[in-house]
Amino acid sequence: MKSDFLREVIFYGEHFRNFYQGLDKKTKLKVDWTINLLETVEYVPEKYFKHLSETEGLYEIRVEFGSNIYRIFSFFDAGRLIIAINGFQKKTNQTPKSEIQKALKIKKQYFNEK
């Protein structure tokens, strides 16, 4: 981890990469900006990073661009290491349970392979 960073975000598997590649250039820049914020700011506002209640250690990186809302599921490993696993465009007020289940499955796979 770079010494000037407070956290490090890494990407696990193809799920995030597939999500990211489907975004337009300006949205990618906003995702990059948000991830940089997570890595460099001591106290990240909930607007950008929030624990999902009723889950064991699952967080969402929250990105808003224009009228679109995106969520990238993540979790911590080894202290300040954030593992980003999958993302989606949020179209309803509640996070779909199917997306949460998918994220929990990927999280379990990550720790099983570690």
Protein backbone atom coordinates (compact mmCIF):
# COMPACT_ATOMS: atom_id res chain seq x y z
CA MET A 1 0.00 0.00 0.00
CA LYS A 2 1.31 3.45 -0.85
CA SER A 3 2.37 5.31 2.29
CA ASP A 4 0.19 8.36 1.57
CA PHE A 5 -2.92 6.20 1.26
CA LEU A 6 -5.09 5.40 4.26
CA ARG A 7 -6.75 2.45 2.54
CA GLU A 8 -6.17 0.43 -0.59
CA VAL A 9 -8.96 -0.66 -2.92
CA ILE A 10 -8.39 -3.73 -5.07
CA PHE A 11 -10.75 -5.49 -7.45
CA TYR A 12 -11.56 -9.16 -7.18
CA GLY A 13 -12.77 -11.27 -10.07
CA GLU A 14 -14.38 -10.26 -13.32
CA HIS A 15 -17.65 -8.88 -11.93
CA PHE A 16 -16.34 -5.38 -11.22
CA ARG A 17 -14.32 -5.25 -14.44
CA ASN A 18 -17.42 -6.17 -16.49
CA PHE A 19 -19.49 -3.52 -14.71
CA TYR A 20 -16.79 -0.85 -15.13
CA GLN A 21 -16.22 -1.57 -18.83
CA GLY A 22 -19.91 -0.97 -19.49
CA LEU A 23 -19.80 2.58 -18.14
CA ASP A 24 -19.31 5.69 -20.25
CA LYS A 25 -16.11 7.72 -19.87
CA LYS A 26 -17.54 10.41 -17.56
CA THR A 27 -19.12 7.86 -15.24
CA LYS A 28 -15.82 5.95 -15.09
CA LEU A 29 -14.11 9.18 -14.02
CA LYS A 30 -16.64 9.60 -11.19
CA VAL A 31 -16.09 5.97 -10.09
CA ASP A 32 -12.32 6.56 -10.14
CA TRP A 33 -12.74 9.78 -8.14
CA THR A 34 -14.86 8.00 -5.52
CA ILE A 35 -12.37 5.15 -5.16
CA ASN A 36 -9.55 7.68 -4.77
CA LEU A 37 -11.59 9.36 -2.03
CA LEU A 38 -11.86 6.04 -0.17
CA GLU A 39 -8.12 5.57 -0.38
CA THR A 40 -7.05 9.04 0.72
CA VAL A 41 -9.64 10.59 3.08
CA GLU A 42 -9.61 9.58 6.73
CA TYR A 43 -13.34 10.00 7.35
CA VAL A 44 -15.32 9.05 4.26
CA PRO A 45 -18.87 10.44 4.28
CA GLU A 46 -21.70 7.89 4.17
CA LYS A 47 -22.73 9.48 0.92
CA TYR A 48 -19.78 7.63 -0.68
CA PHE A 49 -19.25 4.54 1.46
CA LYS A 50 -21.77 2.81 3.69
CA HIS A 51 -22.12 -0.48 5.55
CA LEU A 52 -25.15 -2.45 4.41
CA SER A 53 -27.28 -3.18 7.44
CA GLU A 54 -28.15 -6.78 8.16
CA THR A 55 -25.06 -8.06 6.32
CA GLU A 56 -21.82 -9.35 7.73
CA GLY A 57 -19.26 -6.77 6.67
CA LEU A 58 -20.67 -5.88 3.26
CA TYR A 59 -20.29 -2.25 2.19
CA GLU A 60 -21.36 -0.29 -0.83
CA ILE A 61 -19.26 2.27 -2.61
CA ARG A 62 -21.83 4.84 -3.64
CA VAL A 63 -21.49 6.76 -6.90
CA GLU A 64 -23.97 9.28 -8.24
CA PHE A 65 -23.51 10.82 -11.64
CA GLY A 66 -26.22 13.00 -13.14
CA SER A 67 -29.51 11.28 -12.45
CA ASN A 68 -27.87 7.83 -12.27
CA ILE A 69 -26.94 5.98 -9.09
CA TYR A 70 -24.38 3.19 -9.02
CA ARG A 71 -23.38 0.83 -6.24
CA ILE A 72 -20.20 -1.20 -5.96
CA PHE A 73 -20.20 -3.88 -3.29
CA SER A 74 -17.07 -4.27 -1.22
CA PHE A 75 -15.70 -5.56 2.08
CA PHE A 76 -12.60 -5.23 4.20
CA ASP A 77 -9.73 -7.69 4.35
CA ALA A 78 -6.52 -7.33 6.38
CA GLY A 79 -7.35 -4.05 8.10
CA ARG A 80 -7.51 -1.23 5.59
CA LEU A 81 -7.66 -3.30 2.42
CA ILE A 82 -11.00 -2.88 0.62
CA ILE A 83 -11.99 -5.57 -1.84
CA ALA A 84 -14.40 -4.28 -4.53
CA ILE A 85 -16.36 -7.14 -6.03
CA ASN A 86 -19.33 -6.19 -8.18
CA GLY A 87 -21.32 -3.17 -9.23
CA PHE A 88 -24.68 -2.30 -10.70
CA GLN A 89 -26.85 0.66 -11.60
CA LYS A 90 -29.41 1.23 -8.90
CA LYS A 91 -32.90 1.84 -10.26
CA THR A 92 -35.03 1.40 -7.13
CA ASN A 93 -34.95 2.86 -3.62
CA GLN A 94 -33.91 -0.42 -2.04
CA THR A 95 -30.87 -2.41 -3.02
CA PRO A 96 -32.16 -5.57 -4.72
CA LYS A 97 -31.77 -8.65 -2.53
CA SER A 98 -30.49 -10.61 -5.52
CA GLU A 99 -27.56 -8.18 -5.84
CA ILE A 100 -26.79 -8.50 -2.12
CA GLN A 101 -26.88 -12.31 -2.34
CA LYS A 102 -24.57 -12.23 -5.36
CA ALA A 103 -22.12 -10.01 -3.45
CA LEU A 104 -22.18 -12.25 -0.38
CA LYS A 105 -21.49 -15.28 -2.59
CA ILE A 106 -18.49 -13.53 -4.20
CA LYS A 107 -17.22 -12.46 -0.76
CA LYS A 108 -17.38 -16.05 0.46
CA GLN A 109 -15.57 -17.24 -2.67
CA TYR A 110 -12.82 -14.64 -2.07
CA PHE A 111 -12.11 -15.86 1.44
CA ASN A 112 -12.30 -19.52 0.39
CA GLU A 113 -9.64 -18.90 -2.28
CA LYS A 114 -7.39 -16.85 -0.03
